[in-house]
Each structure stands twice: as C-alpha cells, then as structure tokens.
Amino acid sequence: MSSPIQFVIREGGTVHFRRQSSGGGPGAERWVLIPPLPTLGEFADWGQDRFASGPDAAFMVDHDERRILVNFSHPYAYDDWDSYRRVYLHVLRRMWPDWRVGWAYAGMEEMLHHLGLDLAEVDPPHVPALPAHRADRLPPRRHRVKDERGGTGMHTAGDSLYAGLLTVDDGTAVRAYALGSGLPGLLASGEEILARLPEEALCRTRRVMPLDGMHLDLPARTGGYWTSFHDVPLDHDDRFPRWPGWTWRFWEDDHHRQIDLARGAVRLPEPDLDTVLLDFAERHRHWQIDPVHMRDLLLEQIAGRTEDDKYNALAALVHAMYT
C-alpha cells in the first residue's frame, strides 16, 4: 500500500509542489528534522510538480517567510503517538530556532492558506465523464447499515488507540465518555449527540492517550476541543451550524485544557518525559552511533535538568547524529 508524500515549497516568491506516491509513512518526518531544510533542487528526480490532497505526510517549507508547517498521520507506527508527536515538534522548533514551526491542524488547506492559495484553485473537484451509453451504467449498490448499539449511532472505544474523549459538564457533575467516533464526527453531530451517548462508554481513566477530545459545558453552552491527529476546520471563527448558540475554543493539541475542566472526572496517562526522550532518540538513531552509548550520553545530558533543557539536549543529540 502506497504512502503518498507532498511538499509545498516557496522560494523567491514562487510556490512549487512536489509529490510522490510513496515515502509518506513513518520516517518521512525526517525530511524537515535533519539539516539542511529541503529546497526545490532536492526534488529534481521526483517529477511530479502538482498538488495532491490527503497525503500521509505533508510539509510546507516557506523559505521566503521562514515558516515550516508539518502534518503526518501514521499513529499506528508508534507505541505512544501523542508523546512522539509532541517531542517531534519540540525538537523541530529547537533545530530551526530562527523559523516559525507549527503543526498544520487543518492539513493541506492550512498550508495553502498561509501561501495565499485557495484549495479549489490548486485542486479543482474531479468531475467524472459520463458513460457513452446508458447500457454501460451499473445500478448503485445498496448497503444495509447495522447499528450494533441499538440505534444510538455511537460506540465505545475501549482502550483503542483511536479512542476519542468526550467530557460533559451539566452544572452539577462532569461525565467522561470514551468513544470510537473521531473529533470530526463529534463536532458535526450537533447537540443531538447528548441524547445518543451510551452508558457503557462512561469512563474514569484511560490507559491509552486518546487522539483527540471535546469538552461541553451545558449551562454556559461553550465547548472546547483539541486533537493530535484529525484535521479540523481552517477558520475556527466559522463555528458549527448544528451547535446554534454555542461558543467554541480550539486548544490545538493541549489535552490538559480538557482535563482541567473535567475536574477529576477522568484521568489520562502522563508518560515519563525521560523515557519518551530516550525512545525518540532511539528511533532516530544514526547507524554509526552505538545505541548504548547514545542512551548513556542523553541520560547524562538530561539528568536533573528542566523540561526545556531536556528538549534542548535531545535536539543537540539529533543534530549531532545527522550532521
């Protein structure tokens, strides 16, 4: 199965697209992690100067404004996707201190928006050609959708990696639900979701960090949401039509905002930072560096240090491994 990768590069006021049908899986994020930053000249052999929607990995490198946006979607490859992604962004910002580095929460659309381009302009909708003869047309296939939850339309997520977390404050208590539905579906469902929440989805703790979450304050009619995986609407001021009268806040990937508002209703796993940093360094270990030596070196650098100093030490090690 292919893993498409897309680059958007601006140099000298001109935007270039480069893509290929493979290479967007785990490891693709090294394209902008390892110096030097990609320039147009590095893609001469790719031969595909066009936009592609929905790649597995996408990177925008704006040399004119010194701006980097990244987005990749392969959490299945990591034991702890949330921690890996957070460390990656921290290290990336320290590798390129003179650049503005961020996650493209709206995917490719956010990258195009930064460059002043419209999605419909670079990716016009595909209109399939009509068949030459009506005899060539096949009748549509109809499928019966079975709802295994008695018509609720929702299902529990157990401890799945893809579990979404919903917390609901009714003014007297907060309830937490582990749901299999992702953030886009929760946001698009509207207030009717409150009548469809299965009791079996109630939870007090999660052994696996959810990929996204949403909090609802019913008396105040306010909502907040965060994500480390799904794309969200580009214009967060253009709120959701099925939530009339609600005010929304987007917390990027900060799940602590939801946990604080949940007031102890649910607990999420908080991994040990030193362990996460060591795992990250091991994943990006250069083949010439002995793994035991690398771990000892990093442990020496992060022992007793502040969180910022630990990220700086990891970034310095990654830089040394690849330059």
C-alpha atoms as a PDB file:
ATOM      1  CA  MET A   1       0.000   0.000   0.000  1.00  0.00           C
ATOM      2  CA  SER A   2       1.428   3.377  -1.013  1.00  0.00           C
ATOM      3  CA  SER A   3       2.033   6.217   1.426  1.00  0.00           C
ATOM      4  CA  PRO A   4       1.940   9.465  -0.579  1.00  0.00           C
ATOM      5  CA  ILE A   5       4.066  12.419   0.494  1.00  0.00           C
ATOM      6  CA  GLN A   6       3.559  16.071  -0.501  1.00  0.00           C
ATOM      7  CA  PHE A   7       5.937  19.022  -0.288  1.00  0.00           C
ATOM      8  CA  VAL A   8       4.975  22.657  -0.770  1.00  0.00           C
ATOM      9  CA  ILE A   9       7.989  24.923  -1.123  1.00  0.00           C
ATOM     10  CA  ARG A  10       8.108  28.678  -1.625  1.00  0.00           C
ATOM     11  CA  GLU A  11      11.335  30.143  -2.928  1.00  0.00           C
ATOM     12  CA  GLY A  12      11.755  33.615  -4.387  1.00  0.00           C
ATOM     13  CA  GLY A  13       8.018  34.300  -4.329  1.00  0.00           C
ATOM     14  CA  THR A  14       7.127  31.181  -6.341  1.00  0.00           C
ATOM     15  CA  VAL A  15       5.261  28.204  -4.913  1.00  0.00           C
ATOM     16  CA  HIS A  16       6.252  24.724  -6.060  1.00  0.00           C
ATOM     17  CA  PHE A  17       4.527  21.420  -5.384  1.00  0.00           C
ATOM     18  CA  ARG A  18       6.455  18.193  -5.226  1.00  0.00           C
ATOM     19  CA  ARG A  19       4.926  14.818  -4.509  1.00  0.00           C
ATOM     20  CA  GLN A  20       5.449  11.126  -4.927  1.00  0.00           C
ATOM     21  CA  SER A  21       3.175   8.182  -4.321  1.00  0.00           C
ATOM     22  CA  SER A  22       5.362   6.593  -1.642  1.00  0.00           C
ATOM     23  CA  GLY A  23       7.603   7.774   1.157  1.00  0.00           C
ATOM     24  CA  GLY A  24       4.948   9.319   3.394  1.00  0.00           C
ATOM     25  CA  GLY A  25       4.993   6.609   6.043  1.00  0.00           C
ATOM     26  CA  PRO A  26       6.921   6.520   9.323  1.00  0.00           C
ATOM     27  CA  GLY A  27      10.275   8.202   8.884  1.00  0.00           C
ATOM     28  CA  ALA A  28       9.013  10.810   6.428  1.00  0.00           C
ATOM     29  CA  GLU A  29       9.164  13.451   9.177  1.00  0.00           C
ATOM     30  CA  ARG A  30      12.965  13.344   8.948  1.00  0.00           C
ATOM     31  CA  TRP A  31      12.758  15.394   5.751  1.00  0.00           C
ATOM     32  CA  VAL A  32      12.493  18.594   7.786  1.00  0.00           C
ATOM     33  CA  LEU A  33      14.099  17.349  11.002  1.00  0.00           C
ATOM     34  CA  ILE A  34      17.547  16.783   9.545  1.00  0.00           C
ATOM     35  CA  PRO A  35      19.527  19.807   8.254  1.00  0.00           C
ATOM     36  CA  PRO A  36      19.568  21.309   5.750  1.00  0.00           C
ATOM     37  CA  LEU A  37      15.952  22.190   5.044  1.00  0.00           C
ATOM     38  CA  PRO A  38      14.658  20.930   1.696  1.00  0.00           C
ATOM     39  CA  THR A  39      14.960  23.255  -1.287  1.00  0.00           C
ATOM     40  CA  LEU A  40      13.457  22.886  -4.730  1.00  0.00           C
ATOM     41  CA  GLY A  41      16.702  21.485  -6.116  1.00  0.00           C
ATOM     42  CA  GLU A  42      16.408  18.354  -3.962  1.00  0.00           C
ATOM     43  CA  PHE A  43      13.253  17.234  -5.779  1.00  0.00           C
ATOM     44  CA  ALA A  44      14.524  17.222  -9.335  1.00  0.00           C
ATOM     45  CA  ASP A  45      14.028  13.469  -9.654  1.00  0.00           C
ATOM     46  CA  TRP A  46      10.520  13.411  -8.230  1.00  0.00           C
ATOM     47  CA  GLY A  47       8.990  14.627 -11.484  1.00  0.00           C
ATOM     48  CA  GLN A  48       5.540  15.440 -10.101  1.00  0.00           C
ATOM     49  CA  ASP A  49       5.080  19.180  -9.717  1.00  0.00           C
ATOM     50  CA  ARG A  50       1.434  19.145  -8.760  1.00  0.00           C
ATOM     51  CA  PHE A  51      -0.809  19.318  -5.719  1.00  0.00           C
ATOM     52  CA  ALA A  52      -2.180  16.154  -4.130  1.00  0.00           C
ATOM     53  CA  SER A  53      -4.896  16.173  -1.494  1.00  0.00           C
ATOM     54  CA  GLY A  54      -4.845  13.893   1.508  1.00  0.00           C
ATOM     55  CA  PRO A  55      -1.218  12.660   1.627  1.00  0.00           C
ATOM     56  CA  ASP A  56       0.005  10.547   4.536  1.00  0.00           C
ATOM     57  CA  ALA A  57       2.706  13.148   5.170  1.00  0.00           C
ATOM     58  CA  ALA A  58       2.771  16.798   4.098  1.00  0.00           C
ATOM     59  CA  PHE A  59       5.361  19.512   4.663  1.00  0.00           C
ATOM     60  CA  MET A  60       5.405  23.195   3.803  1.00  0.00           C
ATOM     61  CA  VAL A  61       8.769  24.951   3.754  1.00  0.00           C
ATOM     62  CA  ASP A  62       8.421  28.684   3.103  1.00  0.00           C
ATOM     63  CA  HIS A  63      11.966  29.957   2.635  1.00  0.00           C
ATOM     64  CA  ASP A  64      10.729  33.489   1.970  1.00  0.00           C
ATOM     65  CA  GLU A  65       8.983  33.871   5.352  1.00  0.00           C
ATOM     66  CA  ARG A  66      10.970  31.195   7.221  1.00  0.00           C
ATOM     67  CA  ARG A  67       7.873  29.193   8.088  1.00  0.00           C
ATOM     68  CA  ILE A  68       7.515  25.410   8.442  1.00  0.00           C
ATOM     69  CA  LEU A  69       4.210  23.549   8.706  1.00  0.00           C
ATOM     70  CA  VAL A  70       4.014  19.765   9.090  1.00  0.00           C
ATOM     71  CA  ASN A  71       1.243  17.184   9.117  1.00  0.00           C
ATOM     72  CA  PHE A  72       1.563  13.412   9.076  1.00  0.00           C
ATOM     73  CA  SER A  73      -0.833  10.664  10.037  1.00  0.00           C
ATOM     74  CA  HIS A  74       0.622   7.305  10.996  1.00  0.00           C
ATOM     75  CA  PRO A  75      -0.046   6.814  14.733  1.00  0.00           C
ATOM     76  CA  TYR A  76      -0.170   3.053  14.212  1.00  0.00           C
ATOM     77  CA  ALA A  77       3.628   3.064  13.936  1.00  0.00           C
ATOM     78  CA  TYR A  78       4.247   4.353  17.471  1.00  0.00           C
ATOM     79  CA  ASP A  79       3.566   2.917  20.894  1.00  0.00           C
ATOM     80  CA  ASP A  80       2.727   6.416  22.134  1.00  0.00           C
ATOM     81  CA  TRP A  81       1.734   8.641  19.221  1.00  0.00           C
ATOM     82  CA  ASP A  82       0.819  11.656  21.357  1.00  0.00           C
ATOM     83  CA  SER A  83       4.189  11.731  23.116  1.00  0.00           C
ATOM     84  CA  TYR A  84       6.155  11.108  19.918  1.00  0.00           C
ATOM     85  CA  ARG A  85       4.410  13.916  18.085  1.00  0.00           C
ATOM     86  CA  ARG A  86       4.891  16.379  20.952  1.00  0.00           C
ATOM     87  CA  VAL A  87       8.586  15.618  21.237  1.00  0.00           C
ATOM     88  CA  TYR A  88       8.966  15.844  17.470  1.00  0.00           C
ATOM     89  CA  LEU A  89       7.511  19.361  17.412  1.00  0.00           C
ATOM     90  CA  HIS A  90       9.624  20.465  20.383  1.00  0.00           C
ATOM     91  CA  VAL A  91      12.797  19.170  18.760  1.00  0.00           C
ATOM     92  CA  LEU A  92      11.876  20.615  15.366  1.00  0.00           C
ATOM     93  CA  ARG A  93      11.481  24.091  16.875  1.00  0.00           C
ATOM     94  CA  ARG A  94      14.870  23.802  18.534  1.00  0.00           C
ATOM     95  CA  MET A  95      16.502  22.557  15.341  1.00  0.00           C
ATOM     96  CA  TRP A  96      15.253  25.651  13.499  1.00  0.00           C
ATOM     97  CA  PRO A  97      15.184  28.447  16.125  1.00  0.00           C
ATOM     98  CA  ASP A  98      15.008  31.220  13.509  1.00  0.00           C
ATOM     99  CA  TRP A  99      11.927  29.699  11.845  1.00  0.00           C
ATOM    100  CA  ARG A 100       8.275  29.628  12.890  1.00  0.00           C
ATOM    101  CA  VAL A 101       7.446  25.946  13.166  1.00  0.00           C
ATOM    102  CA  GLY A 102       3.982  24.521  13.694  1.00  0.00           C
ATOM    103  CA  TRP A 103       1.517  21.715  13.055  1.00  0.00           C
ATOM    104  CA  ALA A 104      -0.966  22.191  10.220  1.00  0.00           C
ATOM    105  CA  TYR A 105      -4.161  21.418  12.145  1.00  0.00           C
ATOM    106  CA  ALA A 106      -6.264  21.970   9.026  1.00  0.00           C
ATOM    107  CA  GLY A 107      -3.965  19.824   6.909  1.00  0.00           C
ATOM    108  CA  MET A 108      -3.009  20.874   3.401  1.00  0.00           C
ATOM    109  CA  GLU A 109      -5.679  23.567   3.428  1.00  0.00           C
ATOM    110  CA  GLU A 110      -3.822  25.403   6.195  1.00  0.00           C
ATOM    111  CA  MET A 111      -0.580  25.290   4.225  1.00  0.00           C
ATOM    112  CA  LEU A 112      -2.281  26.702   1.153  1.00  0.00           C
ATOM    113  CA  HIS A 113      -3.975  29.384   3.247  1.00  0.00           C
ATOM    114  CA  HIS A 114      -0.589  30.527   4.551  1.00  0.00           C
ATOM    115  CA  LEU A 115       0.644  30.843   0.958  1.00  0.00           C
ATOM    116  CA  GLY A 116      -2.432  32.778  -0.169  1.00  0.00           C
ATOM    117  CA  LEU A 117      -3.716  29.930  -2.323  1.00  0.00           C
ATOM    118  CA  ASP A 118      -7.223  28.516  -2.498  1.00  0.00           C
ATOM    119  CA  LEU A 119      -7.814  24.779  -2.291  1.00  0.00           C
ATOM    120  CA  ALA A 120     -10.317  24.872  -5.162  1.00  0.00           C
ATOM    121  CA  GLU A 121      -7.717  26.649  -7.314  1.00  0.00           C
ATOM    122  CA  VAL A 122      -4.956  24.076  -6.937  1.00  0.00           C
ATOM    123  CA  ASP A 123      -7.211  21.041  -6.500  1.00  0.00           C
ATOM    124  CA  PRO A 124     -10.374  21.516  -8.583  1.00  0.00           C
ATOM    125  CA  PRO A 125     -13.094  18.949  -7.937  1.00  0.00           C
ATOM    126  CA  HIS A 126     -12.975  15.929 -10.179  1.00  0.00           C
ATOM    127  CA  VAL A 127     -15.991  15.565 -12.450  1.00  0.00           C
ATOM    128  CA  PRO A 128     -16.161  12.050 -13.895  1.00  0.00           C
ATOM    129  CA  ALA A 129     -17.042  11.732 -17.547  1.00  0.00           C
ATOM    130  CA  LEU A 130     -20.491  10.415 -18.388  1.00  0.00           C
ATOM    131  CA  PRO A 131     -20.558   6.942 -19.942  1.00  0.00           C
ATOM    132  CA  ALA A 132     -21.014   6.820 -23.681  1.00  0.00           C
ATOM    133  CA  HIS A 133     -24.060   4.588 -23.462  1.00  0.00           C
ATOM    134  CA  ARG A 134     -26.652   4.175 -20.746  1.00  0.00           C
ATOM    135  CA  ALA A 135     -26.163   0.412 -21.053  1.00  0.00           C
ATOM    136  CA  ASP A 136     -22.693   0.874 -19.573  1.00  0.00           C
ATOM    137  CA  ARG A 137     -24.070   2.324 -16.358  1.00  0.00           C
ATOM    138  CA  LEU A 138     -24.478  -0.040 -13.436  1.00  0.00           C
ATOM    139  CA  PRO A 139     -27.198   0.430 -10.822  1.00  0.00           C
ATOM    140  CA  PRO A 140     -25.933   1.746  -7.479  1.00  0.00           C
ATOM    141  CA  ARG A 141     -25.150  -0.866  -4.881  1.00  0.00           C
ATOM    142  CA  ARG A 142     -27.210  -0.515  -1.735  1.00  0.00           C
ATOM    143  CA  HIS A 143     -25.894  -1.496   1.652  1.00  0.00           C
ATOM    144  CA  ARG A 144     -27.814  -2.028   4.838  1.00  0.00           C
ATOM    145  CA  VAL A 145     -26.028  -0.420   7.780  1.00  0.00           C
ATOM    146  CA  LYS A 146     -26.410  -2.347  11.001  1.00  0.00           C
ATOM    147  CA  ASP A 147     -26.275  -0.340  14.213  1.00  0.00           C
ATOM    148  CA  GLU A 148     -24.873  -2.623  16.905  1.00  0.00           C
ATOM    149  CA  ARG A 149     -25.689  -0.159  19.698  1.00  0.00           C
ATOM    150  CA  GLY A 150     -29.431  -0.224  19.476  1.00  0.00           C
ATOM    151  CA  GLY A 151     -29.768   2.869  17.294  1.00  0.00           C
ATOM    152  CA  THR A 152     -27.542   5.216  19.292  1.00  0.00           C
ATOM    153  CA  GLY A 153     -25.152   5.683  16.385  1.00  0.00           C
ATOM    154  CA  MET A 154     -22.264   5.749  18.869  1.00  0.00           C
ATOM    155  CA  HIS A 155     -19.934   3.010  20.052  1.00  0.00           C
ATOM    156  CA  THR A 156     -17.465   2.630  22.857  1.00  0.00           C
ATOM    157  CA  ALA A 157     -13.776   2.716  22.153  1.00  0.00           C
ATOM    158  CA  GLY A 158     -12.373   0.518  24.894  1.00  0.00           C
ATOM    159  CA  ASP A 159      -8.645   1.202  25.055  1.00  0.00           C
ATOM    160  CA  SER A 160      -8.263   1.642  21.313  1.00  0.00           C
ATOM    161  CA  LEU A 161      -5.558   3.967  20.048  1.00  0.00           C
ATOM    162  CA  TYR A 162      -8.275   5.814  18.182  1.00  0.00           C
ATOM    163  CA  ALA A 163     -10.405   6.454  21.260  1.00  0.00           C
ATOM    164  CA  GLY A 164     -11.846   9.945  21.451  1.00  0.00           C
ATOM    165  CA  LEU A 165     -12.577  11.534  24.811  1.00  0.00           C
ATOM    166  CA  LEU A 166     -15.795  13.469  25.431  1.00  0.00           C
ATOM    167  CA  THR A 167     -16.427  15.211  28.759  1.00  0.00           C
ATOM    168  CA  VAL A 168     -19.807  16.771  29.596  1.00  0.00           C
ATOM    169  CA  ASP A 169     -20.394  19.249  32.438  1.00  0.00           C
ATOM    170  CA  ASP A 170     -24.109  19.560  33.264  1.00  0.00           C
ATOM    171  CA  GLY A 171     -23.546  22.137  36.007  1.00  0.00           C
ATOM    172  CA  THR A 172     -23.512  19.642  38.864  1.00  0.00           C
ATOM    173  CA  ALA A 173     -21.057  16.966  37.718  1.00  0.00           C
ATOM    174  CA  VAL A 174     -18.793  16.061  34.805  1.00  0.00           C
ATOM    175  CA  ARG A 175     -19.160  12.772  32.940  1.00  0.00           C
ATOM    176  CA  ALA A 176     -16.431  11.341  30.722  1.00  0.00           C
ATOM    177  CA  TYR A 177     -17.002   9.070  27.715  1.00  0.00           C
ATOM    178  CA  ALA A 178     -14.522   7.008  25.697  1.00  0.00           C
ATOM    179  CA  LEU A 179     -15.933   6.971  22.176  1.00  0.00           C
ATOM    180  CA  GLY A 180     -14.821   5.389  18.957  1.00  0.00           C
ATOM    181  CA  SER A 181     -16.093   8.371  16.960  1.00  0.00           C
ATOM    182  CA  GLY A 182     -13.357  10.806  15.983  1.00  0.00           C
ATOM    183  CA  LEU A 183     -13.399  14.533  16.565  1.00  0.00           C
ATOM    184  CA  PRO A 184     -14.771  15.485  13.118  1.00  0.00           C
ATOM    185  CA  GLY A 185     -17.806  13.281  13.694  1.00  0.00           C
ATOM    186  CA  LEU A 186     -18.392  14.638  17.192  1.00  0.00           C
ATOM    187  CA  LEU A 187     -18.217  18.241  16.018  1.00  0.00           C
ATOM    188  CA  ALA A 188     -20.513  17.562  13.074  1.00  0.00           C
ATOM    189  CA  SER A 189     -23.119  15.702  15.131  1.00  0.00           C
ATOM    190  CA  GLY A 190     -24.559  18.741  16.893  1.00  0.00           C
ATOM    191  CA  GLU A 191     -26.353  18.785  20.224  1.00  0.00           C
ATOM    192  CA  GLU A 192     -28.197  15.569  19.358  1.00  0.00           C
ATOM    193  CA  ILE A 193     -25.062  13.710  20.440  1.00  0.00           C
ATOM    194  CA  LEU A 194     -26.124  14.280  24.050  1.00  0.00           C
ATOM    195  CA  ALA A 195     -29.157  12.039  23.574  1.00  0.00           C
ATOM    196  CA  ARG A 196     -27.102   9.254  21.984  1.00  0.00           C
ATOM    197  CA  LEU A 197     -24.298   8.728  24.485  1.00  0.00           C
ATOM    198  CA  PRO A 198     -24.145   5.065  25.550  1.00  0.00           C
ATOM    199  CA  GLU A 199     -23.835   4.434  29.271  1.00  0.00           C
ATOM    200  CA  GLU A 200     -21.265   1.721  28.608  1.00  0.00           C
ATOM    201  CA  ALA A 201     -18.914   4.402  27.255  1.00  0.00           C
ATOM    202  CA  LEU A 202     -18.642   6.126  30.647  1.00  0.00           C
ATOM    203  CA  CYS A 203     -15.074   6.015  31.939  1.00  0.00           C
ATOM    204  CA  ARG A 204     -12.949   7.215  34.832  1.00  0.00           C
ATOM    205  CA  THR A 205      -9.492   6.541  33.460  1.00  0.00           C
ATOM    206  CA  ARG A 206      -7.821   5.853  30.115  1.00  0.00           C
ATOM    207  CA  ARG A 207      -4.835   3.536  29.757  1.00  0.00           C
ATOM    208  CA  VAL A 208      -4.168   4.849  26.242  1.00  0.00           C
ATOM    209  CA  MET A 209      -3.957   8.539  25.398  1.00  0.00           C
ATOM    210  CA  PRO A 210      -6.858   9.496  23.068  1.00  0.00           C
ATOM    211  CA  LEU A 211      -6.046  11.127  19.768  1.00  0.00           C
ATOM    212  CA  ASP A 212      -8.466  13.992  20.388  1.00  0.00           C
ATOM    213  CA  GLY A 213     -11.072  15.235  22.809  1.00  0.00           C
ATOM    214  CA  MET A 214     -14.039  17.564  23.240  1.00  0.00           C
ATOM    215  CA  HIS A 215     -15.495  19.205  26.365  1.00  0.00           C
ATOM    216  CA  LEU A 216     -19.054  20.509  26.648  1.00  0.00           C
ATOM    217  CA  ASP A 217     -20.257  22.961  29.302  1.00  0.00           C
ATOM    218  CA  LEU A 218     -24.032  22.652  29.056  1.00  0.00           C
ATOM    219  CA  PRO A 219     -25.123  25.605  31.283  1.00  0.00           C
ATOM    220  CA  ALA A 220     -22.705  28.028  29.598  1.00  0.00           C
ATOM    221  CA  ARG A 221     -23.191  26.496  26.114  1.00  0.00           C
ATOM    222  CA  THR A 222     -19.462  26.561  25.486  1.00  0.00           C
ATOM    223  CA  GLY A 223     -17.299  23.868  24.012  1.00  0.00           C
ATOM    224  CA  GLY A 224     -13.620  23.229  23.558  1.00  0.00           C
ATOM    225  CA  TYR A 225     -11.675  20.683  21.565  1.00  0.00           C
ATOM    226  CA  TRP A 226      -8.122  19.503  20.881  1.00  0.00           C
ATOM    227  CA  THR A 227      -6.543  16.998  18.537  1.00  0.00           C
ATOM    228  CA  SER A 228      -3.245  15.330  17.782  1.00  0.00           C
ATOM    229  CA  PHE A 229      -4.487  13.527  14.697  1.00  0.00           C
ATOM    230  CA  HIS A 230      -7.625  14.660  12.870  1.00  0.00           C
ATOM    231  CA  ASP A 231      -7.769  17.737  10.653  1.00  0.00           C
ATOM    232  CA  VAL A 232     -10.035  20.497  11.955  1.00  0.00           C
ATOM    233  CA  PRO A 233     -11.808  23.381  10.184  1.00  0.00           C
ATOM    234  CA  LEU A 234      -9.402  26.049   8.990  1.00  0.00           C
ATOM    235  CA  ASP A 235     -11.486  29.015  10.119  1.00  0.00           C
ATOM    236  CA  HIS A 236     -12.238  28.414  13.776  1.00  0.00           C
ATOM    237  CA  ASP A 237     -14.431  31.532  13.853  1.00  0.00           C
ATOM    238  CA  ASP A 238     -16.801  29.860  11.426  1.00  0.00           C
ATOM    239  CA  ARG A 239     -18.423  27.669  14.030  1.00  0.00           C
ATOM    240  CA  PHE A 240     -20.551  24.638  13.633  1.00  0.00           C
ATOM    241  CA  PRO A 241     -24.085  25.087  12.323  1.00  0.00           C
ATOM    242  CA  ARG A 242     -25.507  22.171  14.306  1.00  0.00           C
ATOM    243  CA  TRP A 243     -24.469  23.854  17.559  1.00  0.00           C
ATOM    244  CA  PRO A 244     -26.568  27.059  17.441  1.00  0.00           C
ATOM    245  CA  GLY A 245     -25.790  29.497  20.240  1.00  0.00           C
ATOM    246  CA  TRP A 246     -22.596  27.715  21.285  1.00  0.00           C
ATOM    247  CA  THR A 247     -19.161  29.321  21.653  1.00  0.00           C
ATOM    248  CA  TRP A 248     -16.119  27.230  20.814  1.00  0.00           C
ATOM    249  CA  ARG A 249     -12.436  27.245  21.677  1.00  0.00           C
ATOM    250  CA  PHE A 250      -9.720  25.315  19.883  1.00  0.00           C
ATOM    251  CA  TRP A 251      -6.892  24.111  22.137  1.00  0.00           C
ATOM    252  CA  GLU A 252      -4.617  22.719  19.405  1.00  0.00           C
ATOM    253  CA  ASP A 253      -3.075  19.590  20.995  1.00  0.00           C
ATOM    254  CA  ASP A 254      -3.304  20.680  24.639  1.00  0.00           C
ATOM    255  CA  HIS A 255      -5.331  17.896  26.282  1.00  0.00           C
ATOM    256  CA  HIS A 256      -4.619  19.421  29.704  1.00  0.00           C
ATOM    257  CA  ARG A 257      -7.239  22.087  28.987  1.00  0.00           C
ATOM    258  CA  GLN A 258      -9.930  19.420  28.813  1.00  0.00           C
ATOM    259  CA  ILE A 259      -8.640  17.554  31.854  1.00  0.00           C
ATOM    260  CA  ASP A 260      -8.654  20.739  33.942  1.00  0.00           C
ATOM    261  CA  LEU A 261     -12.287  21.414  33.016  1.00  0.00           C
ATOM    262  CA  ALA A 262     -13.207  17.792  33.735  1.00  0.00           C
ATOM    263  CA  ARG A 263     -12.411  18.428  37.425  1.00  0.00           C
ATOM    264  CA  GLY A 264     -11.129  14.942  38.167  1.00  0.00           C
ATOM    265  CA  ALA A 265     -13.830  13.065  36.244  1.00  0.00           C
ATOM    266  CA  VAL A 266     -11.216  11.225  34.169  1.00  0.00           C
ATOM    267  CA  ARG A 267      -7.501  10.567  34.266  1.00  0.00           C
ATOM    268  CA  LEU A 268      -5.196  10.233  31.273  1.00  0.00           C
ATOM    269  CA  PRO A 269      -1.758   8.607  31.217  1.00  0.00           C
ATOM    270  CA  GLU A 270       1.151  11.012  31.606  1.00  0.00           C
ATOM    271  CA  PRO A 271       4.313   9.257  30.379  1.00  0.00           C
ATOM    272  CA  ASP A 272       7.705   9.849  31.944  1.00  0.00           C
ATOM    273  CA  LEU A 273       9.440  12.505  29.844  1.00  0.00           C
ATOM    274  CA  ASP A 274      12.909  10.961  30.175  1.00  0.00           C
ATOM    275  CA  THR A 275      11.632   7.650  28.811  1.00  0.00           C
ATOM    276  CA  VAL A 276       9.900   9.410  25.918  1.00  0.00           C
ATOM    277  CA  LEU A 277      13.071  11.341  25.024  1.00  0.00           C
ATOM    278  CA  LEU A 278      15.167   8.171  25.070  1.00  0.00           C
ATOM    279  CA  ASP A 279      12.665   6.347  22.863  1.00  0.00           C
ATOM    280  CA  PHE A 280      12.647   9.246  20.425  1.00  0.00           C
ATOM    281  CA  ALA A 281      16.444   9.277  20.229  1.00  0.00           C
ATOM    282  CA  GLU A 282      16.492   5.515  19.650  1.00  0.00           C
ATOM    283  CA  ARG A 283      14.005   5.813  16.792  1.00  0.00           C
ATOM    284  CA  HIS A 284      16.167   8.465  15.143  1.00  0.00           C
ATOM    285  CA  ARG A 285      19.490   6.861  15.961  1.00  0.00           C
ATOM    286  CA  HIS A 286      22.103   7.230  13.256  1.00  0.00           C
ATOM    287  CA  TRP A 287      23.520   3.850  12.274  1.00  0.00           C
ATOM    288  CA  GLN A 288      27.092   4.918  13.196  1.00  0.00           C
ATOM    289  CA  ILE A 289      26.228   5.627  16.840  1.00  0.00           C
ATOM    290  CA  ASP A 290      26.179   2.731  19.297  1.00  0.00           C
ATOM    291  CA  PRO A 291      22.713   2.620  20.922  1.00  0.00           C
ATOM    292  CA  VAL A 292      24.064   2.043  24.439  1.00  0.00           C
ATOM    293  CA  HIS A 293      26.458   4.956  24.116  1.00  0.00           C
ATOM    294  CA  MET A 294      23.672   7.141  22.764  1.00  0.00           C
ATOM    295  CA  ARG A 295      21.374   6.358  25.688  1.00  0.00           C
ATOM    296  CA  ASP A 296      24.130   6.956  28.239  1.00  0.00           C
ATOM    297  CA  LEU A 297      25.036  10.236  26.593  1.00  0.00           C
ATOM    298  CA  LEU A 298      21.463  11.512  26.556  1.00  0.00           C
ATOM    299  CA  LEU A 299      20.795  10.339  30.122  1.00  0.00           C
ATOM    300  CA  GLU A 300      23.837  12.287  31.264  1.00  0.00           C
ATOM    301  CA  GLN A 301      22.601  15.400  29.495  1.00  0.00           C
ATOM    302  CA  ILE A 302      19.024  15.326  30.848  1.00  0.00           C
ATOM    303  CA  ALA A 303      19.655  14.211  34.427  1.00  0.00           C
ATOM    304  CA  GLY A 304      18.282  16.796  36.844  1.00  0.00           C
ATOM    305  CA  ARG A 305      17.538  19.318  34.075  1.00  0.00           C
ATOM    306  CA  THR A 306      14.426  21.379  33.437  1.00  0.00           C
ATOM    307  CA  GLU A 307      11.975  20.282  30.748  1.00  0.00           C
ATOM    308  CA  ASP A 308      13.235  22.919  28.304  1.00  0.00           C
ATOM    309  CA  ASP A 309      16.839  21.891  28.907  1.00  0.00           C
ATOM    310  CA  LYS A 310      15.929  18.269  28.233  1.00  0.00           C
ATOM    311  CA  TYR A 311      14.381  19.131  24.879  1.00  0.00           C
ATOM    312  CA  ASN A 312      17.444  21.208  24.004  1.00  0.00           C
ATOM    313  CA  ALA A 313      19.725  18.278  24.880  1.00  0.00           C
ATOM    314  CA  LEU A 314      17.712  15.909  22.689  1.00  0.00           C
ATOM    315  CA  ALA A 315      17.761  18.389  19.795  1.00  0.00           C
ATOM    316  CA  ALA A 316      21.528  18.750  20.146  1.00  0.00           C
ATOM    317  CA  LEU A 317      21.920  14.968  20.059  1.00  0.00           C
ATOM    318  CA  VAL A 318      19.722  14.601  16.971  1.00  0.00           C
ATOM    319  CA  HIS A 319      21.648  17.396  15.271  1.00  0.00           C
ATOM    320  CA  ALA A 320      24.935  15.680  16.081  1.00  0.00           C
ATOM    321  CA  MET A 321      23.695  12.348  14.764  1.00  0.00           C
ATOM    322  CA  TYR A 322      22.695  13.671  11.360  1.00  0.00           C
ATOM    323  CA  THR A 323      25.198  16.444  10.623  1.00  0.00           C
END
